[in-house]
Amino acid sequence: MDGVLYDSMPNHEYTWTHSFAAYNIVFPAELAYINEGRTGRGTINLVMNKEYNRDATEEEIEAIYGLKTKLMRECPKAPVMPGMQNLIKDLRAKGIQTFVVTGSKQPSLIDKLSADFGFTKEFVVSGADVKKGKPDPEPYLIALERSNLMASECAVVENAPLGVRAAKGAGLFCYGVNTGKLTDNYLTDEGADILYHSTAELCADITKHLNQ
């Protein structure tokens, strides 16, 4: 979702760095991109282990993620990524199922995806649906199970290294689209099968194949 359907990663960068700063923890901006796709709990535990060699308490997770959620509500609305609404529409017109697999569990998630892309709840796997989350393949395996298709019949679009790792761990072909601040190797080293540098480039290529 973030960085693929919405240009929302700058908002996540801002809210993560400021949420940790409120608890006197430095969270470099690039870590928002490196850890993108991980659940909020997973990211907070990762940082707390690095800082204090322990998992976060439930109170700390609630406080830090609660502040992040509050700051996200105050951020400017993230624009839709170029070409993605038309691509989703074209895929559905061809009878191709589309799912969103995201680590987010923001309260407004389903309403936003429904309004902008027509996604209903059964086609969204969020952070609220998983126990492990990315980079574990669990979220993509859930989507695969819901689709009633084989892995060889499906493909993933990912902009995050942990998401690529999760997709490949589930045995799925993965289009990598680098819309963030990381260098290409973060995606290719995790196994992205094809790499694009914008959603417009991705959409043009997939649309060409759909029309062949």
Protein backbone atom coordinates (compact mmCIF):
# COMPACT_ATOMS: atom_id res chain seq x y z
CA MET A 1 0.00 0.00 0.00
CA ASP A 2 2.48 2.66 1.17
CA GLY A 3 4.77 3.62 -1.67
CA VAL A 4 2.80 1.51 -4.17
CA LEU A 5 -0.81 2.72 -3.96
CA TYR A 6 -0.12 5.93 -2.02
CA ASP A 7 2.84 8.31 -1.85
CA SER A 8 2.66 8.00 1.91
CA MET A 9 6.19 7.06 2.91
CA PRO A 10 7.22 10.68 3.67
CA ASN A 11 4.40 10.73 6.24
CA HIS A 12 5.59 7.45 7.75
CA GLU A 13 9.15 8.76 7.88
CA TYR A 14 7.96 11.87 9.73
CA THR A 15 5.67 10.07 12.18
CA TRP A 16 8.13 7.32 13.07
CA THR A 17 11.05 9.71 13.68
CA HIS A 18 8.90 12.05 15.79
CA SER A 19 7.17 9.27 17.74
CA PHE A 20 10.50 7.80 18.82
CA ALA A 21 11.97 11.25 19.45
CA ALA A 22 9.20 11.86 22.02
CA TYR A 23 10.77 9.00 23.99
CA ASN A 24 14.34 10.25 23.47
CA ILE A 25 15.17 7.64 20.83
CA VAL A 26 16.88 8.63 17.59
CA PHE A 27 15.26 6.88 14.61
CA PRO A 28 17.15 7.77 11.40
CA ALA A 29 14.82 8.54 8.49
CA GLU A 30 16.18 5.76 6.28
CA LEU A 31 15.05 3.17 8.85
CA ALA A 32 11.44 4.02 8.00
CA TYR A 33 12.13 2.73 4.48
CA ILE A 34 14.31 -0.22 5.49
CA ASN A 35 11.65 -1.44 7.95
CA GLU A 36 8.64 -0.57 5.83
CA GLY A 37 6.09 -3.38 5.83
CA ARG A 38 7.00 -4.55 9.31
CA THR A 39 4.15 -4.28 11.81
CA GLY A 40 4.22 -1.35 14.21
CA ARG A 41 4.85 -3.73 17.10
CA GLY A 42 7.71 -5.33 15.18
CA THR A 43 9.37 -1.99 14.41
CA ILE A 44 9.07 -0.77 17.99
CA ASN A 45 10.49 -4.03 19.36
CA LEU A 46 13.38 -3.88 16.90
CA VAL A 47 14.28 -0.36 18.02
CA MET A 48 13.88 -1.13 21.73
CA ASN A 49 16.13 -4.18 21.41
CA LYS A 50 18.78 -2.06 19.71
CA GLU A 51 18.51 0.72 22.30
CA TYR A 52 17.91 -1.26 25.49
CA ASN A 53 18.48 -4.93 24.60
CA ARG A 54 14.87 -5.86 25.38
CA ASP A 55 11.41 -5.99 23.83
CA ALA A 56 9.11 -3.04 24.37
CA THR A 57 6.50 -3.30 27.07
CA GLU A 58 2.83 -3.28 26.07
CA GLU A 59 2.59 0.21 27.54
CA GLU A 60 5.49 1.44 25.40
CA ILE A 61 4.04 -0.10 22.24
CA GLU A 62 0.66 1.45 22.94
CA ALA A 63 2.19 4.85 23.68
CA ILE A 64 4.61 5.02 20.72
CA TYR A 65 2.22 3.55 18.16
CA GLY A 66 -0.63 5.63 19.57
CA LEU A 67 1.43 8.79 19.03
CA LYS A 68 2.33 7.64 15.51
CA THR A 69 -1.36 7.10 14.71
CA LYS A 70 -2.20 10.56 16.05
CA LEU A 71 0.54 12.18 13.98
CA MET A 72 -0.57 10.28 10.86
CA ARG A 73 -4.06 11.74 11.23
CA GLU A 74 -2.52 15.21 11.29
CA CYS A 75 -0.34 14.68 8.20
CA PRO A 76 -1.39 15.93 4.76
CA LYS A 77 -3.40 13.37 2.82
CA ALA A 78 -1.05 11.18 0.81
CA PRO A 79 -1.72 11.35 -2.94
CA VAL A 80 -2.42 8.24 -4.98
CA MET A 81 0.63 6.96 -6.85
CA PRO A 82 0.58 7.70 -10.60
CA GLY A 83 -1.29 5.15 -12.70
CA MET A 84 -2.30 2.82 -9.89
CA GLN A 85 -6.06 3.49 -9.89
CA ASN A 86 -6.28 2.76 -13.61
CA LEU A 87 -4.07 -0.32 -13.26
CA ILE A 88 -6.29 -1.80 -10.52
CA LYS A 89 -9.35 -1.08 -12.67
CA ASP A 90 -7.75 -2.71 -15.74
CA LEU A 91 -6.72 -5.80 -13.78
CA ARG A 92 -10.24 -6.29 -12.46
CA ALA A 93 -11.68 -5.79 -15.94
CA LYS A 94 -9.52 -8.72 -17.06
CA GLY A 95 -10.90 -10.84 -14.20
CA ILE A 96 -7.67 -10.65 -12.20
CA GLN A 97 -8.07 -10.59 -8.41
CA THR A 98 -6.28 -7.77 -6.60
CA PHE A 99 -5.28 -7.78 -2.93
CA VAL A 100 -3.59 -5.25 -0.65
CA VAL A 101 -1.03 -6.77 1.73
CA THR A 102 0.14 -4.16 4.24
CA GLY A 103 1.69 -4.02 7.69
CA SER A 104 -0.51 -1.05 8.53
CA LYS A 105 -3.51 -1.32 10.81
CA GLN A 106 -4.53 2.32 10.87
CA PRO A 107 -8.23 2.66 11.81
CA SER A 108 -9.15 4.41 8.53
CA LEU A 109 -7.42 1.80 6.35
CA ILE A 110 -10.41 -0.02 4.84
CA ASP A 111 -12.48 3.13 4.29
CA LYS A 112 -9.59 4.79 2.44
CA LEU A 113 -8.84 1.78 0.25
CA SER A 114 -12.52 1.36 -0.52
CA ALA A 115 -13.01 4.99 -1.52
CA ASP A 116 -9.87 5.29 -3.66
CA PHE A 117 -9.53 1.80 -5.14
CA GLY A 118 -12.72 -0.14 -4.44
CA PHE A 119 -11.07 -2.66 -2.11
CA THR A 120 -13.37 -4.46 0.32
CA LYS A 121 -12.22 -5.99 3.60
CA GLU A 122 -11.80 -9.54 2.29
CA PHE A 123 -9.23 -8.29 -0.24
CA VAL A 124 -7.07 -6.53 2.38
CA VAL A 125 -4.51 -8.32 4.56
CA SER A 126 -3.39 -5.82 7.20
CA GLY A 127 -1.25 -5.80 10.31
CA ALA A 128 -4.37 -6.75 12.26
CA ASP A 129 -4.63 -10.07 10.37
CA VAL A 130 -1.17 -11.45 11.04
CA LYS A 131 0.87 -12.85 13.91
CA LYS A 132 4.32 -12.44 12.38
CA GLY A 133 4.00 -9.99 9.49
CA LYS A 134 6.62 -9.04 6.92
CA PRO A 135 9.43 -10.03 6.37
CA ASP A 136 7.82 -13.38 7.25
CA PRO A 137 5.86 -14.71 4.23
CA GLU A 138 2.72 -15.06 6.40
CA PRO A 139 0.82 -12.00 5.02
CA TYR A 140 1.29 -13.10 1.40
CA LEU A 141 0.41 -16.69 2.24
CA ILE A 142 -2.87 -15.41 3.72
CA ALA A 143 -3.64 -13.49 0.51
CA LEU A 144 -2.66 -16.55 -1.55
CA GLU A 145 -5.04 -18.74 0.46
CA ARG A 146 -7.89 -16.25 0.03
CA SER A 147 -7.31 -16.14 -3.73
CA ASN A 148 -7.66 -19.93 -4.16
CA LEU A 149 -4.84 -19.74 -6.69
CA MET A 150 -1.39 -21.31 -6.90
CA ALA A 151 1.69 -19.20 -6.23
CA SER A 152 2.72 -19.59 -9.88
CA GLU A 153 -0.51 -17.81 -10.91
CA CYS A 154 0.14 -14.73 -8.78
CA ALA A 155 2.50 -11.77 -8.65
CA VAL A 156 3.35 -9.12 -6.07
CA VAL A 157 4.21 -5.44 -6.44
CA GLU A 158 6.54 -4.28 -3.65
CA ASN A 159 8.53 -1.14 -2.93
CA ALA A 160 10.04 -2.31 0.38
CA PRO A 161 12.93 -4.73 0.91
CA LEU A 162 11.14 -6.59 3.71
CA GLY A 163 8.08 -6.90 1.49
CA VAL A 164 10.15 -8.36 -1.34
CA ARG A 165 11.64 -10.88 1.10
CA ALA A 166 8.17 -11.84 2.29
CA ALA A 167 6.87 -12.24 -1.26
CA LYS A 168 9.80 -14.40 -2.34
CA GLY A 169 9.48 -16.44 0.85
CA ALA A 170 5.89 -17.20 -0.19
CA GLY A 171 7.15 -18.40 -3.58
CA LEU A 172 5.71 -15.44 -5.51
CA PHE A 173 7.01 -13.51 -8.52
CA CYS A 174 7.79 -9.98 -7.37
CA TYR A 175 7.81 -6.70 -9.26
CA GLY A 176 10.01 -4.27 -7.35
CA VAL A 177 9.21 -0.57 -7.69
CA ASN A 178 11.67 1.80 -6.05
CA THR A 179 9.62 4.85 -5.05
CA GLY A 180 11.50 5.64 -1.85
CA LYS A 181 14.93 6.82 -0.69
CA LEU A 182 16.81 3.51 -0.75
CA THR A 183 19.20 2.41 -3.50
CA ASP A 184 18.05 -0.25 -5.96
CA ASN A 185 20.15 -3.00 -4.39
CA TYR A 186 17.91 -3.03 -1.29
CA LEU A 187 15.19 -4.52 -3.51
CA THR A 188 17.30 -6.58 -5.92
CA ASP A 189 19.35 -8.16 -3.12
CA GLU A 190 16.09 -9.43 -1.60
CA GLY A 191 15.16 -11.07 -4.90
CA ALA A 192 12.95 -8.64 -6.85
CA ASP A 193 12.43 -10.28 -10.25
CA ILE A 194 11.97 -7.02 -12.21
CA LEU A 195 12.81 -3.51 -10.99
CA TYR A 196 11.04 -0.27 -11.90
CA HIS A 197 11.77 3.26 -10.73
CA SER A 198 8.23 4.62 -10.68
CA THR A 199 4.67 3.33 -10.58
CA ALA A 200 4.09 5.00 -13.96
CA GLU A 201 6.82 2.80 -15.46
CA LEU A 202 5.39 -0.28 -13.74
CA CYS A 203 1.84 0.46 -14.91
CA ALA A 204 2.89 1.06 -18.51
CA ASP A 205 4.69 -2.28 -18.66
CA ILE A 206 1.94 -4.34 -17.03
CA THR A 207 -0.76 -2.65 -19.13
CA LYS A 208 1.20 -3.47 -22.29
CA HIS A 209 1.22 -7.16 -21.33
CA LEU A 210 -2.48 -7.09 -20.39
CA ASN A 211 -3.34 -5.80 -23.86
CA GLN A 212 -1.27 -8.32 -25.78
